Amino acid sequence: MKKRLITTFITLLAVIFLMSACGQESNKTSSAESGAGSGKDSGKPKVAVILKGLDQEYFKLAESGAKQAFKDFDVDGTFLAAPTQTDTEKLINILEDTINKNPDALVVMPSTEAQIPVLQRYREKNIPVLLIDTDLKWNEKTAYIGTDNYTAGKKAGEFLASKLSKGDKIAILEGVLGTEVSEQRVKGVKDIMKEKGIKIVASQAADFDRAKAVTATENILTSNPKIKGIFAANDEMAMGALKASDSRNLDIPIIGIDGTSDALESISNGKLTATVAQKPYDMGYKGVENALKAIKGESVNKKINSGIDVITKNNSAKKMVEVKDILGK
């Protein structure tokens, strides 16, 4: 009798344990579903924002803008990013996973043309696709929101040329080869240098990366010790070029593009010469804002220029306060 009672008691405990486990698993599943795609249930529009990287301050500024727009417009927003902007496959995988969650609109900062096939699948499902920061030669995009990179390159080139004389030699640090962003910025600089009679004696890719820019600049300066200036297609590379030139006690003008806080601080301290500041916060914010317009069927401009500012020592402190305020520093 006693054995039967013990057996019955153990059986009841097992049943209770299984019921409890099933209940917990059910709660987990429900929670995951509400977090991944509750827009239909909540009545809120679902907007996915996906960036090509999150390893630099520039991307964090775009993230801040998008997340602020989620709050301001009461959006069921999802934010995702590849670890680095050169991790093309990871970005494609994120895009493929997100399409299965059926967002109402996608705001994406792509890296290369390699993402076009998966972006086309969004359009086949009638999901608006808005590009920010990086434009693609793809007719199906709803809009491009970002910098006119050719103009940014020209502005950087004009400022650099103002520090030089006709016949001087400069070097260029390019970004990721084959990307529209890098190509357009470099083209803008090259056109200005040709106009001003300044010679470009070296142009090397450094993948928008600071460490790679140090190495590339060291190699360039070894081969071309009489260089009078450097243009870098982003601030990370400009800071790398500065480190390499400082190690040789070389005082030459170096111009970047982006407007990140460490570049602004360097300019304020009289080290880096200037930067052409982009507005990634505005890109992220306007990306979400215009995605909502597209969801509602409202007209969205095909190209929205987020604007640029040339930052020198005269206005770097003010810009630095603005950037640090966004980042909460």
C-alpha atoms as a PDB file:
ATOM      1  CA  MET A   1       0.000   0.000   0.000  1.00  0.00           C
ATOM      2  CA  LYS A   2       2.801   2.330   0.978  1.00  0.00           C
ATOM      3  CA  LYS A   3       4.654   1.601  -2.288  1.00  0.00           C
ATOM      4  CA  ARG A   4       1.486   2.368  -4.271  1.00  0.00           C
ATOM      5  CA  LEU A   5       1.085   5.746  -2.531  1.00  0.00           C
ATOM      6  CA  ILE A   6       4.711   6.637  -3.207  1.00  0.00           C
ATOM      7  CA  THR A   7       4.343   5.667  -6.884  1.00  0.00           C
ATOM      8  CA  THR A   8       1.162   7.742  -7.205  1.00  0.00           C
ATOM      9  CA  PHE A   9       2.847  10.728  -5.524  1.00  0.00           C
ATOM     10  CA  ILE A  10       5.859  10.567  -7.861  1.00  0.00           C
ATOM     11  CA  THR A  11       3.540  10.325 -10.884  1.00  0.00           C
ATOM     12  CA  LEU A  12       1.613  13.419  -9.743  1.00  0.00           C
ATOM     13  CA  LEU A  13       4.867  15.364  -9.281  1.00  0.00           C
ATOM     14  CA  ALA A  14       5.971  14.415 -12.801  1.00  0.00           C
ATOM     15  CA  VAL A  15       2.649  15.559 -14.274  1.00  0.00           C
ATOM     16  CA  ILE A  16       2.832  18.884 -12.393  1.00  0.00           C
ATOM     17  CA  PHE A  17       6.441  19.413 -13.550  1.00  0.00           C
ATOM     18  CA  LEU A  18       5.538  18.739 -17.191  1.00  0.00           C
ATOM     19  CA  MET A  19       2.530  21.078 -17.058  1.00  0.00           C
ATOM     20  CA  SER A  20       4.694  23.810 -15.514  1.00  0.00           C
ATOM     21  CA  ALA A  21       7.402  23.363 -18.177  1.00  0.00           C
ATOM     22  CA  CYS A  22       4.857  23.516 -20.984  1.00  0.00           C
ATOM     23  CA  GLY A  23       3.376  26.684 -19.498  1.00  0.00           C
ATOM     24  CA  GLN A  24       6.794  28.331 -19.333  1.00  0.00           C
ATOM     25  CA  GLU A  25       7.589  27.355 -22.931  1.00  0.00           C
ATOM     26  CA  SER A  26       4.243  28.739 -24.055  1.00  0.00           C
ATOM     27  CA  ASN A  27       4.999  32.038 -22.318  1.00  0.00           C
ATOM     28  CA  LYS A  28       8.439  32.193 -23.949  1.00  0.00           C
ATOM     29  CA  THR A  29       6.975  31.643 -27.408  1.00  0.00           C
ATOM     30  CA  SER A  30       4.286  34.263 -26.851  1.00  0.00           C
ATOM     31  CA  SER A  31       6.861  36.768 -25.628  1.00  0.00           C
ATOM     32  CA  ALA A  32       9.152  36.151 -28.611  1.00  0.00           C
ATOM     33  CA  GLU A  33       6.320  36.598 -31.064  1.00  0.00           C
ATOM     34  CA  SER A  34       5.186  39.875 -29.513  1.00  0.00           C
ATOM     35  CA  GLY A  35       8.747  41.195 -29.596  1.00  0.00           C
ATOM     36  CA  ALA A  36       9.417  40.116 -33.178  1.00  0.00           C
ATOM     37  CA  GLY A  37       6.277  41.297 -34.847  1.00  0.00           C
ATOM     38  CA  SER A  38       3.458  42.691 -32.779  1.00  0.00           C
ATOM     39  CA  GLY A  39       2.603  45.449 -35.254  1.00  0.00           C
ATOM     40  CA  LYS A  40      -0.460  43.679 -36.676  1.00  0.00           C
ATOM     41  CA  ASP A  41      -1.816  42.913 -33.195  1.00  0.00           C
ATOM     42  CA  SER A  42      -1.039  46.323 -31.692  1.00  0.00           C
ATOM     43  CA  GLY A  43      -2.234  48.250 -34.713  1.00  0.00           C
ATOM     44  CA  LYS A  44       1.131  49.979 -34.969  1.00  0.00           C
ATOM     45  CA  PRO A  45       3.058  50.033 -38.258  1.00  0.00           C
ATOM     46  CA  LYS A  46       6.060  47.696 -38.296  1.00  0.00           C
ATOM     47  CA  VAL A  47       9.282  49.284 -39.532  1.00  0.00           C
ATOM     48  CA  ALA A  48      12.576  47.385 -39.648  1.00  0.00           C
ATOM     49  CA  VAL A  49      15.804  49.401 -39.655  1.00  0.00           C
ATOM     50  CA  ILE A  50      18.917  47.458 -40.673  1.00  0.00           C
ATOM     51  CA  LEU A  51      22.428  48.936 -40.870  1.00  0.00           C
ATOM     52  CA  LYS A  52      25.517  47.590 -42.616  1.00  0.00           C
ATOM     53  CA  GLY A  53      27.573  47.909 -39.428  1.00  0.00           C
ATOM     54  CA  LEU A  54      27.614  48.997 -35.812  1.00  0.00           C
ATOM     55  CA  ASP A  55      31.354  49.105 -35.151  1.00  0.00           C
ATOM     56  CA  GLN A  56      31.757  52.857 -35.600  1.00  0.00           C
ATOM     57  CA  GLU A  57      30.230  55.903 -33.970  1.00  0.00           C
ATOM     58  CA  TYR A  58      28.721  56.975 -37.284  1.00  0.00           C
ATOM     59  CA  PHE A  59      26.381  53.959 -37.251  1.00  0.00           C
ATOM     60  CA  LYS A  60      25.392  54.608 -33.642  1.00  0.00           C
ATOM     61  CA  LEU A  61      24.285  58.113 -34.620  1.00  0.00           C
ATOM     62  CA  ALA A  62      22.037  56.633 -37.329  1.00  0.00           C
ATOM     63  CA  GLU A  63      20.710  54.117 -34.785  1.00  0.00           C
ATOM     64  CA  SER A  64      19.872  56.936 -32.360  1.00  0.00           C
ATOM     65  CA  GLY A  65      17.925  58.777 -35.040  1.00  0.00           C
ATOM     66  CA  ALA A  66      15.912  55.701 -36.010  1.00  0.00           C
ATOM     67  CA  LYS A  67      15.084  54.789 -32.410  1.00  0.00           C
ATOM     68  CA  GLN A  68      14.001  58.348 -31.626  1.00  0.00           C
ATOM     69  CA  ALA A  69      11.668  58.204 -34.641  1.00  0.00           C
ATOM     70  CA  PHE A  70      10.244  54.893 -33.350  1.00  0.00           C
ATOM     71  CA  LYS A  71       9.219  56.760 -30.178  1.00  0.00           C
ATOM     72  CA  ASP A  72       8.054  59.972 -31.817  1.00  0.00           C
ATOM     73  CA  PHE A  73       5.850  58.244 -34.394  1.00  0.00           C
ATOM     74  CA  ASP A  74       4.681  55.370 -32.142  1.00  0.00           C
ATOM     75  CA  VAL A  75       6.157  52.705 -34.384  1.00  0.00           C
ATOM     76  CA  ASP A  76       6.654  49.003 -33.717  1.00  0.00           C
ATOM     77  CA  GLY A  77      10.307  49.287 -34.661  1.00  0.00           C
ATOM     78  CA  THR A  78      12.989  46.659 -35.057  1.00  0.00           C
ATOM     79  CA  PHE A  79      16.669  47.583 -35.190  1.00  0.00           C
ATOM     80  CA  LEU A  80      19.380  45.212 -36.469  1.00  0.00           C
ATOM     81  CA  ALA A  81      22.929  45.609 -37.780  1.00  0.00           C
ATOM     82  CA  ALA A  82      25.827  43.603 -39.143  1.00  0.00           C
ATOM     83  CA  PRO A  83      28.897  43.560 -36.854  1.00  0.00           C
ATOM     84  CA  THR A  84      31.050  45.430 -39.393  1.00  0.00           C
ATOM     85  CA  GLN A  85      30.387  47.124 -42.700  1.00  0.00           C
ATOM     86  CA  THR A  86      32.581  44.638 -44.570  1.00  0.00           C
ATOM     87  CA  ASP A  87      30.529  41.645 -43.358  1.00  0.00           C
ATOM     88  CA  THR A  88      28.354  41.510 -46.476  1.00  0.00           C
ATOM     89  CA  GLU A  89      27.116  37.951 -45.930  1.00  0.00           C
ATOM     90  CA  LYS A  90      25.945  38.714 -42.393  1.00  0.00           C
ATOM     91  CA  LEU A  91      23.977  41.703 -43.653  1.00  0.00           C
ATOM     92  CA  ILE A  92      22.326  39.554 -46.322  1.00  0.00           C
ATOM     93  CA  ASN A  93      21.426  36.937 -43.700  1.00  0.00           C
ATOM     94  CA  ILE A  94      19.831  39.594 -41.482  1.00  0.00           C
ATOM     95  CA  LEU A  95      17.803  40.897 -44.425  1.00  0.00           C
ATOM     96  CA  GLU A  96      16.674  37.366 -45.312  1.00  0.00           C
ATOM     97  CA  ASP A  97      15.594  36.641 -41.738  1.00  0.00           C
ATOM     98  CA  THR A  98      13.720  39.933 -41.446  1.00  0.00           C
ATOM     99  CA  ILE A  99      11.702  39.484 -44.632  1.00  0.00           C
ATOM    100  CA  ASN A 100      10.098  36.402 -43.086  1.00  0.00           C
ATOM    101  CA  LYS A 101       8.730  38.622 -40.294  1.00  0.00           C
ATOM    102  CA  ASN A 102       6.814  40.702 -42.865  1.00  0.00           C
ATOM    103  CA  PRO A 103       7.572  44.274 -41.790  1.00  0.00           C
ATOM    104  CA  ASP A 104       5.402  46.982 -43.285  1.00  0.00           C
ATOM    105  CA  ALA A 105       8.522  48.832 -44.473  1.00  0.00           C
ATOM    106  CA  LEU A 106      12.294  48.406 -44.507  1.00  0.00           C
ATOM    107  CA  VAL A 107      14.847  51.160 -43.877  1.00  0.00           C
ATOM    108  CA  VAL A 108      18.293  49.843 -44.757  1.00  0.00           C
ATOM    109  CA  MET A 109      21.849  51.106 -44.870  1.00  0.00           C
ATOM    110  CA  PRO A 110      23.322  48.696 -47.446  1.00  0.00           C
ATOM    111  CA  SER A 111      26.991  48.041 -48.053  1.00  0.00           C
ATOM    112  CA  THR A 112      27.225  46.925 -51.694  1.00  0.00           C
ATOM    113  CA  GLU A 113      25.186  45.961 -54.733  1.00  0.00           C
ATOM    114  CA  ALA A 114      25.296  42.372 -53.394  1.00  0.00           C
ATOM    115  CA  GLN A 115      22.206  43.145 -51.280  1.00  0.00           C
ATOM    116  CA  ILE A 116      20.010  44.042 -54.261  1.00  0.00           C
ATOM    117  CA  PRO A 117      18.610  40.508 -54.889  1.00  0.00           C
ATOM    118  CA  VAL A 118      17.274  40.173 -51.344  1.00  0.00           C
ATOM    119  CA  LEU A 119      15.977  43.771 -51.375  1.00  0.00           C
ATOM    120  CA  GLN A 120      14.129  42.902 -54.581  1.00  0.00           C
ATOM    121  CA  ARG A 121      12.302  40.166 -52.663  1.00  0.00           C
ATOM    122  CA  TYR A 122      10.957  42.819 -50.290  1.00  0.00           C
ATOM    123  CA  ARG A 123       9.551  44.724 -53.230  1.00  0.00           C
ATOM    124  CA  GLU A 124       7.984  41.537 -54.605  1.00  0.00           C
ATOM    125  CA  LYS A 125       6.078  41.355 -51.325  1.00  0.00           C
ATOM    126  CA  ASN A 126       5.060  45.027 -51.739  1.00  0.00           C
ATOM    127  CA  ILE A 127       7.242  46.125 -48.828  1.00  0.00           C
ATOM    128  CA  PRO A 128       8.658  49.651 -49.359  1.00  0.00           C
ATOM    129  CA  VAL A 129      12.461  49.778 -49.186  1.00  0.00           C
ATOM    130  CA  LEU A 130      14.150  53.041 -48.219  1.00  0.00           C
ATOM    131  CA  LEU A 131      17.945  53.314 -48.448  1.00  0.00           C
ATOM    132  CA  ILE A 132      19.865  55.544 -46.063  1.00  0.00           C
ATOM    133  CA  ASP A 133      23.496  56.724 -46.252  1.00  0.00           C
ATOM    134  CA  THR A 134      24.445  54.410 -49.123  1.00  0.00           C
ATOM    135  CA  ASP A 135      22.653  54.583 -52.453  1.00  0.00           C
ATOM    136  CA  LEU A 136      22.396  51.646 -54.853  1.00  0.00           C
ATOM    137  CA  LYS A 137      21.878  51.511 -58.597  1.00  0.00           C
ATOM    138  CA  TRP A 138      18.487  49.890 -58.108  1.00  0.00           C
ATOM    139  CA  ASN A 139      15.306  51.305 -59.612  1.00  0.00           C
ATOM    140  CA  GLU A 140      12.927  49.575 -57.191  1.00  0.00           C
ATOM    141  CA  LYS A 141      13.978  51.564 -54.109  1.00  0.00           C
ATOM    142  CA  THR A 142      11.285  53.743 -52.600  1.00  0.00           C
ATOM    143  CA  ALA A 143      13.776  56.474 -51.709  1.00  0.00           C
ATOM    144  CA  TYR A 144      17.402  57.271 -50.964  1.00  0.00           C
ATOM    145  CA  ILE A 145      17.958  59.441 -47.902  1.00  0.00           C
ATOM    146  CA  GLY A 146      21.488  60.608 -47.342  1.00  0.00           C
ATOM    147  CA  THR A 147      24.439  62.662 -48.450  1.00  0.00           C
ATOM    148  CA  ASP A 148      25.171  63.672 -52.002  1.00  0.00           C
ATOM    149  CA  ASN A 149      28.559  61.985 -51.795  1.00  0.00           C
ATOM    150  CA  TYR A 150      29.966  63.588 -54.933  1.00  0.00           C
ATOM    151  CA  THR A 151      29.227  67.034 -53.481  1.00  0.00           C
ATOM    152  CA  ALA A 152      30.753  65.991 -50.138  1.00  0.00           C
ATOM    153  CA  GLY A 153      33.907  64.957 -51.978  1.00  0.00           C
ATOM    154  CA  LYS A 154      34.031  68.250 -53.848  1.00  0.00           C
ATOM    155  CA  LYS A 155      33.627  70.248 -50.620  1.00  0.00           C
ATOM    156  CA  ALA A 156      36.436  68.269 -49.010  1.00  0.00           C
ATOM    157  CA  GLY A 157      38.583  68.743 -52.106  1.00  0.00           C
ATOM    158  CA  GLU A 158      37.956  72.480 -52.193  1.00  0.00           C
ATOM    159  CA  PHE A 159      38.978  72.916 -48.575  1.00  0.00           C
ATOM    160  CA  LEU A 160      42.088  70.782 -49.015  1.00  0.00           C
ATOM    161  CA  ALA A 161      43.033  72.669 -52.174  1.00  0.00           C
ATOM    162  CA  SER A 162      42.710  75.965 -50.277  1.00  0.00           C
ATOM    163  CA  LYS A 163      45.628  74.810 -48.111  1.00  0.00           C
ATOM    164  CA  LEU A 164      47.819  73.880 -51.087  1.00  0.00           C
ATOM    165  CA  SER A 165      49.439  75.368 -54.177  1.00  0.00           C
ATOM    166  CA  LYS A 166      49.250  74.419 -57.822  1.00  0.00           C
ATOM    167  CA  GLY A 167      51.594  71.514 -58.559  1.00  0.00           C
ATOM    168  CA  ASP A 168      51.489  70.108 -55.007  1.00  0.00           C
ATOM    169  CA  LYS A 169      51.031  66.368 -54.551  1.00  0.00           C
ATOM    170  CA  ILE A 170      48.344  64.656 -52.458  1.00  0.00           C
ATOM    171  CA  ALA A 171      47.218  61.131 -51.584  1.00  0.00           C
ATOM    172  CA  ILE A 172      43.741  59.665 -51.304  1.00  0.00           C
ATOM    173  CA  LEU A 173      42.527  56.970 -48.924  1.00  0.00           C
ATOM    174  CA  GLU A 174      39.523  55.252 -50.476  1.00  0.00           C
ATOM    175  CA  GLY A 175      36.860  53.263 -48.623  1.00  0.00           C
ATOM    176  CA  VAL A 176      35.618  49.827 -49.587  1.00  0.00           C
ATOM    177  CA  LEU A 177      36.396  49.301 -53.270  1.00  0.00           C
ATOM    178  CA  GLY A 178      33.369  49.169 -55.535  1.00  0.00           C
ATOM    179  CA  THR A 179      31.009  50.987 -53.184  1.00  0.00           C
ATOM    180  CA  GLU A 180      29.074  53.955 -54.499  1.00  0.00           C
ATOM    181  CA  VAL A 181      29.828  55.996 -51.371  1.00  0.00           C
ATOM    182  CA  SER A 182      33.606  55.750 -51.767  1.00  0.00           C
ATOM    183  CA  GLU A 183      33.609  56.128 -55.533  1.00  0.00           C
ATOM    184  CA  GLN A 184      31.512  59.301 -55.509  1.00  0.00           C
ATOM    185  CA  ARG A 185      33.522  60.973 -52.760  1.00  0.00           C
ATOM    186  CA  VAL A 186      36.803  60.177 -54.465  1.00  0.00           C
ATOM    187  CA  LYS A 187      35.453  61.379 -57.814  1.00  0.00           C
ATOM    188  CA  GLY A 188      34.463  64.708 -56.246  1.00  0.00           C
ATOM    189  CA  VAL A 189      37.967  65.198 -54.856  1.00  0.00           C
ATOM    190  CA  LYS A 190      39.656  64.155 -58.096  1.00  0.00           C
ATOM    191  CA  ASP A 191      37.593  66.616 -60.133  1.00  0.00           C
ATOM    192  CA  ILE A 192      38.566  69.489 -57.840  1.00  0.00           C
ATOM    193  CA  MET A 193      42.258  68.537 -57.852  1.00  0.00           C
ATOM    194  CA  LYS A 194      42.274  68.407 -61.639  1.00  0.00           C
ATOM    195  CA  GLU A 195      40.648  71.842 -61.740  1.00  0.00           C
ATOM    196  CA  LYS A 196      43.203  73.284 -59.282  1.00  0.00           C
ATOM    197  CA  GLY A 197      46.257  71.685 -60.884  1.00  0.00           C
ATOM    198  CA  ILE A 198      47.076  69.526 -57.847  1.00  0.00           C
ATOM    199  CA  LYS A 199      48.536  66.069 -58.497  1.00  0.00           C
ATOM    200  CA  ILE A 200      47.181  62.855 -56.975  1.00  0.00           C
ATOM    201  CA  VAL A 201      50.208  60.575 -56.681  1.00  0.00           C
ATOM    202  CA  ALA A 202      48.620  57.749 -54.672  1.00  0.00           C
ATOM    203  CA  SER A 203      45.110  56.408 -54.095  1.00  0.00           C
ATOM    204  CA  GLN A 204      44.666  53.316 -51.922  1.00  0.00           C
ATOM    205  CA  ALA A 205      41.689  51.544 -50.365  1.00  0.00           C
ATOM    206  CA  ALA A 206      41.645  51.193 -46.576  1.00  0.00           C
ATOM    207  CA  ASP A 207      38.065  49.885 -46.161  1.00  0.00           C
ATOM    208  CA  PHE A 208      36.924  52.879 -44.077  1.00  0.00           C
ATOM    209  CA  ASP A 209      39.049  51.369 -41.285  1.00  0.00           C
ATOM    210  CA  ARG A 210      41.426  53.316 -39.017  1.00  0.00           C
ATOM    211  CA  ALA A 211      44.060  50.595 -38.538  1.00  0.00           C
ATOM    212  CA  LYS A 212      44.177  49.843 -42.252  1.00  0.00           C
ATOM    213  CA  ALA A 213      44.502  53.564 -42.948  1.00  0.00           C
ATOM    214  CA  VAL A 214      47.594  53.764 -40.718  1.00  0.00           C
ATOM    215  CA  THR A 215      49.276  51.030 -42.737  1.00  0.00           C
ATOM    216  CA  ALA A 216      48.182  52.443 -46.095  1.00  0.00           C
ATOM    217  CA  THR A 217      49.395  55.943 -45.164  1.00  0.00           C
ATOM    218  CA  GLU A 218      52.757  54.639 -43.957  1.00  0.00           C
ATOM    219  CA  ASN A 219      53.234  52.867 -47.292  1.00  0.00           C
ATOM    220  CA  ILE A 220      52.193  55.960 -49.243  1.00  0.00           C
ATOM    221  CA  LEU A 221      54.527  58.271 -47.294  1.00  0.00           C
ATOM    222  CA  THR A 222      57.418  55.870 -47.762  1.00  0.00           C
ATOM    223  CA  SER A 223      56.919  55.915 -51.533  1.00  0.00           C
ATOM    224  CA  ASN A 224      55.955  59.595 -51.758  1.00  0.00           C
ATOM    225  CA  PRO A 225      57.681  61.580 -48.975  1.00  0.00           C
ATOM    226  CA  LYS A 226      56.885  64.940 -50.608  1.00  0.00           C
ATOM    227  CA  ILE A 227      53.116  64.616 -50.268  1.00  0.00           C
ATOM    228  CA  LYS A 228      51.522  67.909 -49.160  1.00  0.00           C
ATOM    229  CA  GLY A 229      48.057  66.701 -48.146  1.00  0.00           C
ATOM    230  CA  ILE A 230      45.726  63.711 -47.689  1.00  0.00           C
ATOM    231  CA  PHE A 231      42.042  63.191 -48.352  1.00  0.00           C
ATOM    232  CA  ALA A 232      40.371  60.273 -46.567  1.00  0.00           C
ATOM    233  CA  ALA A 233      36.891  59.117 -47.565  1.00  0.00           C
ATOM    234  CA  ASN A 234      35.804  58.952 -43.916  1.00  0.00           C
ATOM    235  CA  ASP A 235      36.946  60.205 -40.519  1.00  0.00           C
ATOM    236  CA  GLU A 236      38.139  56.822 -39.291  1.00  0.00           C
ATOM    237  CA  MET A 237      40.683  56.707 -42.121  1.00  0.00           C
ATOM    238  CA  ALA A 238      41.537  60.383 -41.613  1.00  0.00           C
ATOM    239  CA  MET A 239      42.404  59.634 -37.992  1.00  0.00           C
ATOM    240  CA  GLY A 240      44.554  56.719 -39.148  1.00  0.00           C
ATOM    241  CA  ALA A 241      46.331  58.956 -41.653  1.00  0.00           C
ATOM    242  CA  LEU A 242      46.924  61.505 -38.887  1.00  0.00           C
ATOM    243  CA  LYS A 243      48.521  58.868 -36.662  1.00  0.00           C
ATOM    244  CA  ALA A 244      50.858  57.774 -39.462  1.00  0.00           C
ATOM    245  CA  SER A 245      51.867  61.343 -40.347  1.00  0.00           C
ATOM    246  CA  ASP A 246      52.367  62.256 -36.677  1.00  0.00           C
ATOM    247  CA  SER A 247      54.750  59.328 -36.272  1.00  0.00           C
ATOM    248  CA  ARG A 248      56.937  60.998 -38.912  1.00  0.00           C
ATOM    249  CA  ASN A 249      56.530  64.483 -37.425  1.00  0.00           C
ATOM    250  CA  LEU A 250      54.833  65.438 -40.656  1.00  0.00           C
ATOM    251  CA  ASP A 251      52.486  68.434 -40.483  1.00  0.00           C
ATOM    252  CA  ILE A 252      50.208  68.287 -43.545  1.00  0.00           C
ATOM    253  CA  PRO A 253      46.488  69.024 -44.029  1.00  0.00           C
ATOM    254  CA  ILE A 254      44.266  65.942 -43.680  1.00  0.00           C
ATOM    255  CA  ILE A 255      40.561  66.083 -44.515  1.00  0.00           C
ATOM    256  CA  GLY A 256      37.955  63.425 -43.721  1.00  0.00           C
ATOM    257  CA  ILE A 257      34.216  62.954 -44.093  1.00  0.00           C
ATOM    258  CA  ASP A 258      31.587  62.103 -41.430  1.00  0.00           C
ATOM    259  CA  GLY A 259      31.871  64.429 -38.417  1.00  0.00           C
ATOM    260  CA  THR A 260      32.494  61.875 -35.651  1.00  0.00           C
ATOM    261  CA  SER A 261      33.305  63.080 -32.138  1.00  0.00           C
ATOM    262  CA  ASP A 262      36.968  62.022 -32.073  1.00  0.00           C
ATOM    263  CA  ALA A 263      37.573  63.725 -35.426  1.00  0.00           C
ATOM    264  CA  LEU A 264      35.834  66.861 -34.159  1.00  0.00           C
ATOM    265  CA  GLU A 265      37.925  66.821 -31.001  1.00  0.00           C
ATOM    266  CA  SER A 266      41.090  66.403 -33.070  1.00  0.00           C
ATOM    267  CA  ILE A 267      40.107  69.371 -35.246  1.00  0.00           C
ATOM    268  CA  SER A 268      39.365  71.432 -32.149  1.00  0.00           C
ATOM    269  CA  ASN A 269      42.852  70.598 -30.849  1.00  0.00           C
ATOM    270  CA  GLY A 270      44.475  71.723 -34.088  1.00  0.00           C
ATOM    271  CA  LYS A 271      45.437  68.231 -35.310  1.00  0.00           C
ATOM    272  CA  LEU A 272      43.064  67.000 -38.031  1.00  0.00           C
ATOM    273  CA  THR A 273      42.460  69.836 -40.482  1.00  0.00           C
ATOM    274  CA  ALA A 274      38.754  69.481 -41.277  1.00  0.00           C
ATOM    275  CA  THR A 275      35.873  67.115 -41.938  1.00  0.00           C
ATOM    276  CA  VAL A 276      32.771  67.282 -44.078  1.00  0.00           C
ATOM    277  CA  ALA A 277      30.145  66.317 -41.518  1.00  0.00           C
ATOM    278  CA  GLN A 278      27.259  64.139 -42.596  1.00  0.00           C
ATOM    279  CA  LYS A 279      24.011  63.830 -40.652  1.00  0.00           C
ATOM    280  CA  PRO A 280      23.500  60.128 -39.887  1.00  0.00           C
ATOM    281  CA  TYR A 281      21.062  60.884 -37.062  1.00  0.00           C
ATOM    282  CA  ASP A 282      18.824  62.693 -39.541  1.00  0.00           C
ATOM    283  CA  MET A 283      19.181  59.824 -42.036  1.00  0.00           C
ATOM    284  CA  GLY A 284      17.910  57.316 -39.477  1.00  0.00           C
ATOM    285  CA  TYR A 285      15.115  59.603 -38.308  1.00  0.00           C
ATOM    286  CA  LYS A 286      13.959  60.613 -41.778  1.00  0.00           C
ATOM    287  CA  GLY A 287      14.205  57.010 -42.925  1.00  0.00           C
ATOM    288  CA  VAL A 288      11.546  55.961 -40.415  1.00  0.00           C
ATOM    289  CA  GLU A 289       9.479  59.115 -40.981  1.00  0.00           C
ATOM    290  CA  ASN A 290       9.315  58.550 -44.730  1.00  0.00           C
ATOM    291  CA  ALA A 291       8.772  54.816 -44.327  1.00  0.00           C
ATOM    292  CA  LEU A 292       5.518  55.673 -42.544  1.00  0.00           C
ATOM    293  CA  LYS A 293       4.508  57.887 -45.454  1.00  0.00           C
ATOM    294  CA  ALA A 294       5.156  55.010 -47.856  1.00  0.00           C
ATOM    295  CA  ILE A 295       3.110  52.614 -45.689  1.00  0.00           C
ATOM    296  CA  LYS A 296       0.190  55.058 -45.804  1.00  0.00           C
ATOM    297  CA  GLY A 297       0.479  55.360 -49.573  1.00  0.00           C
ATOM    298  CA  GLU A 298       1.627  58.971 -49.411  1.00  0.00           C
ATOM    299  CA  SER A 299       4.117  60.412 -51.887  1.00  0.00           C
ATOM    300  CA  VAL A 300       7.802  60.093 -50.946  1.00  0.00           C
ATOM    301  CA  ASN A 301      10.572  61.943 -52.767  1.00  0.00           C
ATOM    302  CA  LYS A 302      12.863  59.516 -54.573  1.00  0.00           C
ATOM    303  CA  LYS A 303      15.967  61.352 -53.322  1.00  0.00           C
ATOM    304  CA  ILE A 304      16.187  63.214 -50.016  1.00  0.00           C
ATOM    305  CA  ASN A 305      19.420  65.083 -49.320  1.00  0.00           C
ATOM    306  CA  SER A 306      20.210  64.993 -45.601  1.00  0.00           C
ATOM    307  CA  GLY A 307      22.807  67.770 -45.952  1.00  0.00           C
ATOM    308  CA  ILE A 308      26.457  68.330 -45.016  1.00  0.00           C
ATOM    309  CA  ASP A 309      28.540  70.847 -43.041  1.00  0.00           C
ATOM    310  CA  VAL A 310      32.215  71.685 -43.505  1.00  0.00           C
ATOM    311  CA  ILE A 311      33.728  71.562 -40.018  1.00  0.00           C
ATOM    312  CA  THR A 312      36.955  73.409 -39.224  1.00  0.00           C
ATOM    313  CA  LYS A 313      38.543  74.584 -35.985  1.00  0.00           C
ATOM    314  CA  ASN A 314      36.185  77.576 -36.013  1.00  0.00           C
ATOM    315  CA  ASN A 315      32.990  75.525 -35.615  1.00  0.00           C
ATOM    316  CA  SER A 316      34.209  72.143 -34.356  1.00  0.00           C
ATOM    317  CA  ALA A 317      33.389  72.756 -30.664  1.00  0.00           C
ATOM    318  CA  LYS A 318      29.744  73.512 -31.405  1.00  0.00           C
ATOM    319  CA  LYS A 319      29.404  70.440 -33.610  1.00  0.00           C
ATOM    320  CA  MET A 320      31.099  68.275 -30.983  1.00  0.00           C
ATOM    321  CA  VAL A 321      28.507  69.283 -28.358  1.00  0.00           C
ATOM    322  CA  GLU A 322      25.739  68.372 -30.782  1.00  0.00           C
ATOM    323  CA  VAL A 323      27.158  64.901 -31.525  1.00  0.00           C
ATOM    324  CA  LYS A 324      27.900  64.070 -27.878  1.00  0.00           C
ATOM    325  CA  ASP A 325      24.403  65.165 -26.902  1.00  0.00           C
ATOM    326  CA  ILE A 326      22.911  62.686 -29.393  1.00  0.00           C
ATOM    327  CA  LEU A 327      25.111  59.898 -28.078  1.00  0.00           C
ATOM    328  CA  GLY A 328      24.476  60.799 -24.457  1.00  0.00           C
ATOM    329  CA  LYS A 329      28.174  61.337 -23.718  1.00  0.00           C
END
